[in-house]
């Protein structure tokens, strides 16, 4: 076998939240935790915040029953190998890949996730709009960073978030260590957002993602941040431009759901070395 006879891959990012995309249309790849961790390692692998496997829902054991078998499913894994329900930046990159690789047409399409089917619209300029479902506030909690307490609201965006809105000195926060959380409220861990309102239309945000660490962006986190900012302003619907370290996205919260619009960039494609894939 040729040295580079391993699986094909594409590298992409959404506002610098980066992913390794593994096409698996026949459902044959054995995607182990070790392989995910190695792929995402920035020294011994390709480097990424997560892995997106492209597979039909019907070929993925354990896919949600409400996702039709013929729908392209985003089998998303965090950098530590753990499975995540949903990833807003990942869905945008996944959709862009489907279109660019000829697996889907430009425009409207549906993508399967562990949080259900997500309708998506790809734009000619490379941006992608994702219908993210409802952002449900289900409680209040606090976390701490360097001994300082930060109150926040618990929000379900298909995955759990604690969004802390306030006049934070965002640039001074040390997010190298996971902020502690209430295990009773968040039994499966939580993504933590620190949100600073800029004006009535814009917020800044930093995020620590469970299973990854601080990332340049988090799609579901920007939805949670917008919902929390609206909640803090006494509103239930509205839109915000959300500035994250990796760029800017637009989020709209409606009475029935939410949308996230932002860029999706494909960097390049290649093939993994077969020996590396067998012994990552």
C-alpha atoms as a PDB file:
ATOM      1  CA  UNK A   1       0.000   0.000   0.000  1.00  0.00           C
ATOM      2  CA  UNK A   2       1.190   3.515  -0.804  1.00  0.00           C
ATOM      3  CA  UNK A   3       2.421   5.427   2.245  1.00  0.00           C
ATOM      4  CA  UNK A   4      -0.438   7.893   1.834  1.00  0.00           C
ATOM      5  CA  UNK A   5      -3.091   5.251   1.324  1.00  0.00           C
ATOM      6  CA  UNK A   6      -5.017   6.128   4.463  1.00  0.00           C
ATOM      7  CA  UNK A   7      -8.363   7.966   4.643  1.00  0.00           C
ATOM      8  CA  UNK A   8      -8.983  11.212   2.792  1.00  0.00           C
ATOM      9  CA  UNK A   9      -9.457  14.373   4.821  1.00  0.00           C
ATOM     10  CA  UNK A  10     -10.275  18.051   4.419  1.00  0.00           C
ATOM     11  CA  UNK A  11      -9.310  20.802   6.864  1.00  0.00           C
ATOM     12  CA  UNK A  12     -11.705  23.685   7.427  1.00  0.00           C
ATOM     13  CA  UNK A  13     -12.767  26.302   9.938  1.00  0.00           C
ATOM     14  CA  UNK A  14     -15.687  28.503  10.917  1.00  0.00           C
ATOM     15  CA  UNK A  15     -14.462  31.766  12.490  1.00  0.00           C
ATOM     16  CA  UNK A  16     -11.233  29.894  13.321  1.00  0.00           C
ATOM     17  CA  UNK A  17     -13.000  27.035  15.144  1.00  0.00           C
ATOM     18  CA  UNK A  18     -11.182  24.379  13.111  1.00  0.00           C
ATOM     19  CA  UNK A  19     -12.059  20.826  12.118  1.00  0.00           C
ATOM     20  CA  UNK A  20     -10.745  17.765  10.329  1.00  0.00           C
ATOM     21  CA  UNK A  21     -13.428  16.460   7.960  1.00  0.00           C
ATOM     22  CA  UNK A  22     -13.368  12.725   7.246  1.00  0.00           C
ATOM     23  CA  UNK A  23     -15.587  11.625   4.345  1.00  0.00           C
ATOM     24  CA  UNK A  24     -17.049   8.191   5.093  1.00  0.00           C
ATOM     25  CA  UNK A  25     -19.911   7.769   2.598  1.00  0.00           C
ATOM     26  CA  UNK A  26     -19.852   3.979   2.869  1.00  0.00           C
ATOM     27  CA  UNK A  27     -19.651   3.908   6.669  1.00  0.00           C
ATOM     28  CA  UNK A  28     -16.403   1.926   6.798  1.00  0.00           C
ATOM     29  CA  UNK A  29     -14.061   4.119   8.874  1.00  0.00           C
ATOM     30  CA  UNK A  30     -13.253   2.958  12.382  1.00  0.00           C
ATOM     31  CA  UNK A  31     -13.133   6.307  14.132  1.00  0.00           C
ATOM     32  CA  UNK A  32     -11.650   5.507  17.546  1.00  0.00           C
ATOM     33  CA  UNK A  33     -11.094   7.965  20.399  1.00  0.00           C
ATOM     34  CA  UNK A  34      -7.337   7.538  19.960  1.00  0.00           C
ATOM     35  CA  UNK A  35      -7.543   8.463  16.289  1.00  0.00           C
ATOM     36  CA  UNK A  36      -9.648  11.534  17.036  1.00  0.00           C
ATOM     37  CA  UNK A  37      -7.232  12.706  19.730  1.00  0.00           C
ATOM     38  CA  UNK A  38      -4.257  12.164  17.421  1.00  0.00           C
ATOM     39  CA  UNK A  39      -5.892  13.945  14.480  1.00  0.00           C
ATOM     40  CA  UNK A  40      -6.704  16.966  16.658  1.00  0.00           C
ATOM     41  CA  UNK A  41      -3.285  17.125  18.328  1.00  0.00           C
ATOM     42  CA  UNK A  42      -1.454  20.157  16.947  1.00  0.00           C
ATOM     43  CA  UNK A  43       1.986  18.564  17.351  1.00  0.00           C
ATOM     44  CA  UNK A  44       1.497  14.926  16.345  1.00  0.00           C
ATOM     45  CA  UNK A  45      -1.522  15.234  14.050  1.00  0.00           C
ATOM     46  CA  UNK A  46      -3.231  17.687  11.746  1.00  0.00           C
ATOM     47  CA  UNK A  47      -4.458  19.865  14.598  1.00  0.00           C
ATOM     48  CA  UNK A  48      -8.111  20.796  15.166  1.00  0.00           C
ATOM     49  CA  UNK A  49     -10.793  21.556  17.728  1.00  0.00           C
ATOM     50  CA  UNK A  50     -12.780  18.549  16.544  1.00  0.00           C
ATOM     51  CA  UNK A  51     -13.468  15.931  13.876  1.00  0.00           C
ATOM     52  CA  UNK A  52     -16.460  15.875  11.524  1.00  0.00           C
ATOM     53  CA  UNK A  53     -17.180  12.496   9.949  1.00  0.00           C
ATOM     54  CA  UNK A  54     -19.383  12.664   6.838  1.00  0.00           C
ATOM     55  CA  UNK A  55     -21.680   9.637   6.905  1.00  0.00           C
ATOM     56  CA  UNK A  56     -25.268   8.759   6.040  1.00  0.00           C
ATOM     57  CA  UNK A  57     -27.454   8.574   9.140  1.00  0.00           C
ATOM     58  CA  UNK A  58     -28.506   5.057   8.197  1.00  0.00           C
ATOM     59  CA  UNK A  59     -24.879   3.877   8.305  1.00  0.00           C
ATOM     60  CA  UNK A  60     -24.149   5.281  11.771  1.00  0.00           C
ATOM     61  CA  UNK A  61     -25.073   2.996  14.678  1.00  0.00           C
ATOM     62  CA  UNK A  62     -26.914   4.940  17.345  1.00  0.00           C
ATOM     63  CA  UNK A  63     -27.965   7.826  15.097  1.00  0.00           C
ATOM     64  CA  UNK A  64     -31.132   9.517  16.424  1.00  0.00           C
ATOM     65  CA  UNK A  65     -34.303   7.805  15.272  1.00  0.00           C
ATOM     66  CA  UNK A  66     -35.793  11.101  14.055  1.00  0.00           C
ATOM     67  CA  UNK A  67     -33.006  11.619  11.495  1.00  0.00           C
ATOM     68  CA  UNK A  68     -33.892   9.963   8.135  1.00  0.00           C
ATOM     69  CA  UNK A  69     -31.438   7.287   6.988  1.00  0.00           C
ATOM     70  CA  UNK A  70     -30.517   9.067   3.729  1.00  0.00           C
ATOM     71  CA  UNK A  71     -29.589  12.391   5.376  1.00  0.00           C
ATOM     72  CA  UNK A  72     -25.891  13.321   5.595  1.00  0.00           C
ATOM     73  CA  UNK A  73     -25.019  13.092   9.283  1.00  0.00           C
ATOM     74  CA  UNK A  74     -22.372  15.184  11.059  1.00  0.00           C
ATOM     75  CA  UNK A  75     -20.715  12.647  13.375  1.00  0.00           C
ATOM     76  CA  UNK A  76     -18.981  15.247  15.540  1.00  0.00           C
ATOM     77  CA  UNK A  77     -16.198  14.440  18.011  1.00  0.00           C
ATOM     78  CA  UNK A  78     -14.474  16.846  20.398  1.00  0.00           C
ATOM     79  CA  UNK A  79     -10.679  17.014  20.418  1.00  0.00           C
ATOM     80  CA  UNK A  80     -10.533  14.612  23.394  1.00  0.00           C
ATOM     81  CA  UNK A  81     -12.500  11.981  21.459  1.00  0.00           C
ATOM     82  CA  UNK A  82     -15.795  12.563  23.247  1.00  0.00           C
ATOM     83  CA  UNK A  83     -19.038  12.814  21.287  1.00  0.00           C
ATOM     84  CA  UNK A  84     -20.911  16.136  21.197  1.00  0.00           C
ATOM     85  CA  UNK A  85     -24.548  16.663  20.314  1.00  0.00           C
ATOM     86  CA  UNK A  86     -24.158  19.750  18.176  1.00  0.00           C
ATOM     87  CA  UNK A  87     -21.606  22.256  16.842  1.00  0.00           C
ATOM     88  CA  UNK A  88     -22.786  25.397  15.076  1.00  0.00           C
ATOM     89  CA  UNK A  89     -19.434  26.211  13.469  1.00  0.00           C
ATOM     90  CA  UNK A  90     -18.997  22.560  12.544  1.00  0.00           C
ATOM     91  CA  UNK A  91     -22.369  22.431  10.782  1.00  0.00           C
ATOM     92  CA  UNK A  92     -21.403  25.415   8.625  1.00  0.00           C
ATOM     93  CA  UNK A  93     -18.090  23.837   7.632  1.00  0.00           C
ATOM     94  CA  UNK A  94     -19.819  20.475   7.103  1.00  0.00           C
ATOM     95  CA  UNK A  95     -22.398  22.089   4.792  1.00  0.00           C
ATOM     96  CA  UNK A  96     -19.734  23.931   2.814  1.00  0.00           C
ATOM     97  CA  UNK A  97     -17.862  20.640   2.386  1.00  0.00           C
ATOM     98  CA  UNK A  98     -20.987  18.847   1.127  1.00  0.00           C
ATOM     99  CA  UNK A  99     -21.501  21.515  -1.537  1.00  0.00           C
ATOM    100  CA  UNK A 100     -17.860  21.840  -2.606  1.00  0.00           C
ATOM    101  CA  UNK A 101     -17.404  18.060  -2.827  1.00  0.00           C
ATOM    102  CA  UNK A 102     -20.558  17.596  -4.907  1.00  0.00           C
ATOM    103  CA  UNK A 103     -22.489  15.677  -2.253  1.00  0.00           C
ATOM    104  CA  UNK A 104     -25.138  18.434  -2.058  1.00  0.00           C
ATOM    105  CA  UNK A 105     -26.402  21.345  -4.136  1.00  0.00           C
ATOM    106  CA  UNK A 106     -25.899  25.015  -3.250  1.00  0.00           C
ATOM    107  CA  UNK A 107     -28.847  26.437  -1.325  1.00  0.00           C
ATOM    108  CA  UNK A 108     -31.148  24.632   1.093  1.00  0.00           C
ATOM    109  CA  UNK A 109     -30.164  21.301   2.626  1.00  0.00           C
ATOM    110  CA  UNK A 110     -30.712  19.288   5.784  1.00  0.00           C
ATOM    111  CA  UNK A 111     -27.931  17.959   8.006  1.00  0.00           C
ATOM    112  CA  UNK A 112     -28.354  15.307  10.658  1.00  0.00           C
ATOM    113  CA  UNK A 113     -26.855  15.859  14.121  1.00  0.00           C
ATOM    114  CA  UNK A 114     -27.253  14.210  17.500  1.00  0.00           C
ATOM    115  CA  UNK A 115     -29.448  17.193  18.409  1.00  0.00           C
ATOM    116  CA  UNK A 116     -31.738  16.432  15.446  1.00  0.00           C
ATOM    117  CA  UNK A 117     -31.960  17.586  11.830  1.00  0.00           C
ATOM    118  CA  UNK A 118     -30.613  21.083  11.201  1.00  0.00           C
ATOM    119  CA  UNK A 119     -31.880  22.952   8.095  1.00  0.00           C
ATOM    120  CA  UNK A 120     -29.038  24.874   6.450  1.00  0.00           C
ATOM    121  CA  UNK A 121     -28.716  27.435   3.662  1.00  0.00           C
ATOM    122  CA  UNK A 122     -25.394  27.904   1.884  1.00  0.00           C
ATOM    123  CA  UNK A 123     -24.640  31.273   0.276  1.00  0.00           C
ATOM    124  CA  UNK A 124     -22.556  32.011  -2.817  1.00  0.00           C
ATOM    125  CA  UNK A 125     -20.147  34.163  -0.780  1.00  0.00           C
ATOM    126  CA  UNK A 126     -19.122  31.212   1.415  1.00  0.00           C
ATOM    127  CA  UNK A 127     -21.300  32.079   4.390  1.00  0.00           C
ATOM    128  CA  UNK A 128     -23.736  29.519   5.761  1.00  0.00           C
ATOM    129  CA  UNK A 129     -26.956  30.044   7.719  1.00  0.00           C
ATOM    130  CA  UNK A 130     -27.942  27.298  10.139  1.00  0.00           C
ATOM    131  CA  UNK A 131     -31.301  26.905  11.822  1.00  0.00           C
ATOM    132  CA  UNK A 132     -30.121  26.108  15.345  1.00  0.00           C
ATOM    133  CA  UNK A 133     -33.438  25.286  17.011  1.00  0.00           C
ATOM    134  CA  UNK A 134     -34.607  26.768  20.269  1.00  0.00           C
ATOM    135  CA  UNK A 135     -32.222  28.178  22.844  1.00  0.00           C
ATOM    136  CA  UNK A 136     -33.911  27.086  26.058  1.00  0.00           C
ATOM    137  CA  UNK A 137     -33.040  28.751  29.363  1.00  0.00           C
ATOM    138  CA  UNK A 138     -33.414  26.138  32.072  1.00  0.00           C
ATOM    139  CA  UNK A 139     -31.785  27.587  35.156  1.00  0.00           C
ATOM    140  CA  UNK A 140     -29.201  29.844  36.732  1.00  0.00           C
ATOM    141  CA  UNK A 141     -25.761  29.024  38.074  1.00  0.00           C
ATOM    142  CA  UNK A 142     -22.323  30.478  38.688  1.00  0.00           C
ATOM    143  CA  UNK A 143     -18.754  29.666  37.828  1.00  0.00           C
ATOM    144  CA  UNK A 144     -15.418  31.081  38.954  1.00  0.00           C
ATOM    145  CA  UNK A 145     -12.238  32.196  37.233  1.00  0.00           C
ATOM    146  CA  UNK A 146      -9.180  33.036  39.328  1.00  0.00           C
ATOM    147  CA  UNK A 147     -11.313  33.357  42.444  1.00  0.00           C
ATOM    148  CA  UNK A 148     -13.880  35.696  40.860  1.00  0.00           C
ATOM    149  CA  UNK A 149     -17.491  34.513  40.692  1.00  0.00           C
ATOM    150  CA  UNK A 150     -19.481  34.908  37.485  1.00  0.00           C
ATOM    151  CA  UNK A 151     -23.269  34.421  37.550  1.00  0.00           C
ATOM    152  CA  UNK A 152     -24.872  33.057  34.402  1.00  0.00           C
ATOM    153  CA  UNK A 153     -27.907  31.392  32.866  1.00  0.00           C
ATOM    154  CA  UNK A 154     -28.067  27.744  31.860  1.00  0.00           C
ATOM    155  CA  UNK A 155     -29.069  27.376  28.208  1.00  0.00           C
ATOM    156  CA  UNK A 156     -29.773  24.290  26.087  1.00  0.00           C
ATOM    157  CA  UNK A 157     -28.874  24.756  22.405  1.00  0.00           C
ATOM    158  CA  UNK A 158     -28.857  21.029  21.691  1.00  0.00           C
ATOM    159  CA  UNK A 159     -25.864  20.965  24.028  1.00  0.00           C
ATOM    160  CA  UNK A 160     -25.439  22.609  27.464  1.00  0.00           C
ATOM    161  CA  UNK A 161     -24.135  26.136  28.059  1.00  0.00           C
ATOM    162  CA  UNK A 162     -23.576  28.496  30.951  1.00  0.00           C
ATOM    163  CA  UNK A 163     -23.599  32.032  29.532  1.00  0.00           C
ATOM    164  CA  UNK A 164     -22.329  34.744  31.889  1.00  0.00           C
ATOM    165  CA  UNK A 165     -23.257  38.270  30.792  1.00  0.00           C
ATOM    166  CA  UNK A 166     -21.588  41.287  32.394  1.00  0.00           C
ATOM    167  CA  UNK A 167     -19.009  44.019  32.064  1.00  0.00           C
ATOM    168  CA  UNK A 168     -16.208  41.484  32.092  1.00  0.00           C
ATOM    169  CA  UNK A 169     -12.593  42.305  31.307  1.00  0.00           C
ATOM    170  CA  UNK A 170     -12.632  39.597  28.648  1.00  0.00           C
ATOM    171  CA  UNK A 171      -9.027  40.009  27.574  1.00  0.00           C
ATOM    172  CA  UNK A 172      -7.801  39.396  31.123  1.00  0.00           C
ATOM    173  CA  UNK A 173      -9.655  36.135  31.771  1.00  0.00           C
ATOM    174  CA  UNK A 174      -7.471  33.033  32.119  1.00  0.00           C
ATOM    175  CA  UNK A 175      -9.431  30.231  30.464  1.00  0.00           C
ATOM    176  CA  UNK A 176      -6.593  27.718  30.308  1.00  0.00           C
ATOM    177  CA  UNK A 177      -8.384  25.709  33.013  1.00  0.00           C
ATOM    178  CA  UNK A 178     -12.011  24.618  32.690  1.00  0.00           C
ATOM    179  CA  UNK A 179     -14.256  26.887  34.793  1.00  0.00           C
ATOM    180  CA  UNK A 180     -16.003  24.761  37.456  1.00  0.00           C
ATOM    181  CA  UNK A 181     -19.694  23.955  37.048  1.00  0.00           C
ATOM    182  CA  UNK A 182     -22.601  22.513  39.025  1.00  0.00           C
ATOM    183  CA  UNK A 183     -22.671  18.786  38.192  1.00  0.00           C
ATOM    184  CA  UNK A 184     -26.312  18.534  39.229  1.00  0.00           C
ATOM    185  CA  UNK A 185     -27.336  21.138  36.651  1.00  0.00           C
ATOM    186  CA  UNK A 186     -24.805  20.000  34.051  1.00  0.00           C
ATOM    187  CA  UNK A 187     -24.262  16.249  34.536  1.00  0.00           C
ATOM    188  CA  UNK A 188     -22.583  15.895  31.120  1.00  0.00           C
ATOM    189  CA  UNK A 189     -20.325  18.923  31.466  1.00  0.00           C
ATOM    190  CA  UNK A 190     -20.897  22.368  30.000  1.00  0.00           C
ATOM    191  CA  UNK A 191     -19.587  24.991  27.592  1.00  0.00           C
ATOM    192  CA  UNK A 192     -18.993  28.282  29.423  1.00  0.00           C
ATOM    193  CA  UNK A 193     -19.349  31.675  27.705  1.00  0.00           C
ATOM    194  CA  UNK A 194     -18.284  35.042  29.076  1.00  0.00           C
ATOM    195  CA  UNK A 195     -20.301  37.729  27.322  1.00  0.00           C
ATOM    196  CA  UNK A 196     -19.674  41.482  27.282  1.00  0.00           C
ATOM    197  CA  UNK A 197     -22.355  43.723  25.720  1.00  0.00           C
ATOM    198  CA  UNK A 198     -20.867  46.317  23.334  1.00  0.00           C
ATOM    199  CA  UNK A 199     -24.144  48.085  22.503  1.00  0.00           C
ATOM    200  CA  UNK A 200     -27.761  47.135  21.845  1.00  0.00           C
ATOM    201  CA  UNK A 201     -26.769  45.221  18.706  1.00  0.00           C
ATOM    202  CA  UNK A 202     -23.363  43.684  19.478  1.00  0.00           C
ATOM    203  CA  UNK A 203     -21.609  41.579  22.110  1.00  0.00           C
ATOM    204  CA  UNK A 204     -18.105  40.203  22.599  1.00  0.00           C
ATOM    205  CA  UNK A 205     -17.581  36.641  23.785  1.00  0.00           C
ATOM    206  CA  UNK A 206     -14.929  34.194  24.921  1.00  0.00           C
ATOM    207  CA  UNK A 207     -15.694  30.536  25.466  1.00  0.00           C
ATOM    208  CA  UNK A 208     -14.294  27.442  27.143  1.00  0.00           C
ATOM    209  CA  UNK A 209     -15.668  24.347  25.415  1.00  0.00           C
ATOM    210  CA  UNK A 210     -16.045  21.087  27.281  1.00  0.00           C
ATOM    211  CA  UNK A 211     -13.667  18.452  26.001  1.00  0.00           C
ATOM    212  CA  UNK A 212     -11.619  21.015  24.059  1.00  0.00           C
ATOM    213  CA  UNK A 213     -10.580  24.052  26.118  1.00  0.00           C
ATOM    214  CA  UNK A 214     -10.775  27.675  25.021  1.00  0.00           C
ATOM    215  CA  UNK A 215     -11.553  27.935  21.313  1.00  0.00           C
ATOM    216  CA  UNK A 216     -11.497  30.829  18.874  1.00  0.00           C
ATOM    217  CA  UNK A 217     -15.231  30.420  18.401  1.00  0.00           C
ATOM    218  CA  UNK A 218     -18.197  28.220  19.347  1.00  0.00           C
ATOM    219  CA  UNK A 219     -21.313  28.299  17.175  1.00  0.00           C
ATOM    220  CA  UNK A 220     -23.818  27.060  19.730  1.00  0.00           C
ATOM    221  CA  UNK A 221     -22.014  29.286  22.236  1.00  0.00           C
ATOM    222  CA  UNK A 222     -22.768  32.393  20.166  1.00  0.00           C
ATOM    223  CA  UNK A 223     -26.447  31.423  20.168  1.00  0.00           C
ATOM    224  CA  UNK A 224     -26.344  30.918  23.935  1.00  0.00           C
ATOM    225  CA  UNK A 225     -24.539  34.252  24.341  1.00  0.00           C
ATOM    226  CA  UNK A 226     -27.201  36.029  22.287  1.00  0.00           C
ATOM    227  CA  UNK A 227     -30.042  34.410  24.225  1.00  0.00           C
ATOM    228  CA  UNK A 228     -28.376  35.383  27.502  1.00  0.00           C
ATOM    229  CA  UNK A 229     -27.743  38.965  26.345  1.00  0.00           C
ATOM    230  CA  UNK A 230     -31.374  39.332  25.295  1.00  0.00           C
ATOM    231  CA  UNK A 231     -32.493  37.809  28.611  1.00  0.00           C
ATOM    232  CA  UNK A 232     -30.330  40.297  30.512  1.00  0.00           C
ATOM    233  CA  UNK A 233     -31.962  43.117  28.522  1.00  0.00           C
ATOM    234  CA  UNK A 234     -35.436  41.828  29.344  1.00  0.00           C
ATOM    235  CA  UNK A 235     -36.054  40.549  25.815  1.00  0.00           C
ATOM    236  CA  UNK A 236     -36.927  37.107  24.456  1.00  0.00           C
ATOM    237  CA  UNK A 237     -36.318  37.740  20.740  1.00  0.00           C
ATOM    238  CA  UNK A 238     -33.840  39.795  18.744  1.00  0.00           C
ATOM    239  CA  UNK A 239     -30.483  39.621  17.004  1.00  0.00           C
ATOM    240  CA  UNK A 240     -26.877  40.324  17.862  1.00  0.00           C
ATOM    241  CA  UNK A 241     -23.573  40.508  16.074  1.00  0.00           C
ATOM    242  CA  UNK A 242     -21.297  38.317  18.168  1.00  0.00           C
ATOM    243  CA  UNK A 243     -17.578  39.116  18.083  1.00  0.00           C
ATOM    244  CA  UNK A 244     -15.407  36.164  19.048  1.00  0.00           C
ATOM    245  CA  UNK A 245     -11.608  35.907  18.816  1.00  0.00           C
ATOM    246  CA  UNK A 246     -11.972  34.156  15.448  1.00  0.00           C
ATOM    247  CA  UNK A 247     -14.260  36.672  13.785  1.00  0.00           C
ATOM    248  CA  UNK A 248     -17.887  37.758  13.770  1.00  0.00           C
ATOM    249  CA  UNK A 249     -21.195  35.936  13.298  1.00  0.00           C
ATOM    250  CA  UNK A 250     -24.816  37.049  13.306  1.00  0.00           C
ATOM    251  CA  UNK A 251     -27.367  35.337  15.542  1.00  0.00           C
ATOM    252  CA  UNK A 252     -31.116  35.852  15.548  1.00  0.00           C
ATOM    253  CA  UNK A 253     -33.400  34.499  18.265  1.00  0.00           C
ATOM    254  CA  UNK A 254     -37.052  34.182  17.226  1.00  0.00           C
ATOM    255  CA  UNK A 255     -40.161  32.963  19.017  1.00  0.00           C
ATOM    256  CA  UNK A 256     -39.773  29.546  17.414  1.00  0.00           C
ATOM    257  CA  UNK A 257     -36.009  29.048  17.172  1.00  0.00           C
ATOM    258  CA  UNK A 258     -32.718  30.667  16.208  1.00  0.00           C
ATOM    259  CA  UNK A 259     -30.394  31.122  13.249  1.00  0.00           C
ATOM    260  CA  UNK A 260     -26.630  31.450  13.052  1.00  0.00           C
ATOM    261  CA  UNK A 261     -24.976  32.992   9.988  1.00  0.00           C
ATOM    262  CA  UNK A 262     -21.236  33.080   9.495  1.00  0.00           C
ATOM    263  CA  UNK A 263     -18.326  32.118   7.267  1.00  0.00           C
ATOM    264  CA  UNK A 264     -17.191  28.580   6.497  1.00  0.00           C
ATOM    265  CA  UNK A 265     -13.707  28.154   5.049  1.00  0.00           C
ATOM    266  CA  UNK A 266     -12.161  25.049   3.509  1.00  0.00           C
ATOM    267  CA  UNK A 267      -8.363  25.190   3.776  1.00  0.00           C
ATOM    268  CA  UNK A 268      -7.224  22.122   1.859  1.00  0.00           C
ATOM    269  CA  UNK A 269      -7.541  18.382   1.348  1.00  0.00           C
ATOM    270  CA  UNK A 270      -5.234  15.410   1.370  1.00  0.00           C
ATOM    271  CA  UNK A 271      -4.813  11.797   2.400  1.00  0.00           C
ATOM    272  CA  UNK A 272      -3.526  10.483   5.701  1.00  0.00           C
ATOM    273  CA  UNK A 273      -0.534   8.144   5.795  1.00  0.00           C
ATOM    274  CA  UNK A 274      -1.760   4.568   6.187  1.00  0.00           C
ATOM    275  CA  UNK A 275       0.882   3.734   8.826  1.00  0.00           C
ATOM    276  CA  UNK A 276      -0.054   6.796  10.876  1.00  0.00           C
ATOM    277  CA  UNK A 277      -3.763   5.921  10.677  1.00  0.00           C
ATOM    278  CA  UNK A 278      -3.073   2.390  11.896  1.00  0.00           C
ATOM    279  CA  UNK A 279      -0.826   3.602  14.739  1.00  0.00           C
ATOM    280  CA  UNK A 280      -1.828   7.160  15.633  1.00  0.00           C
END
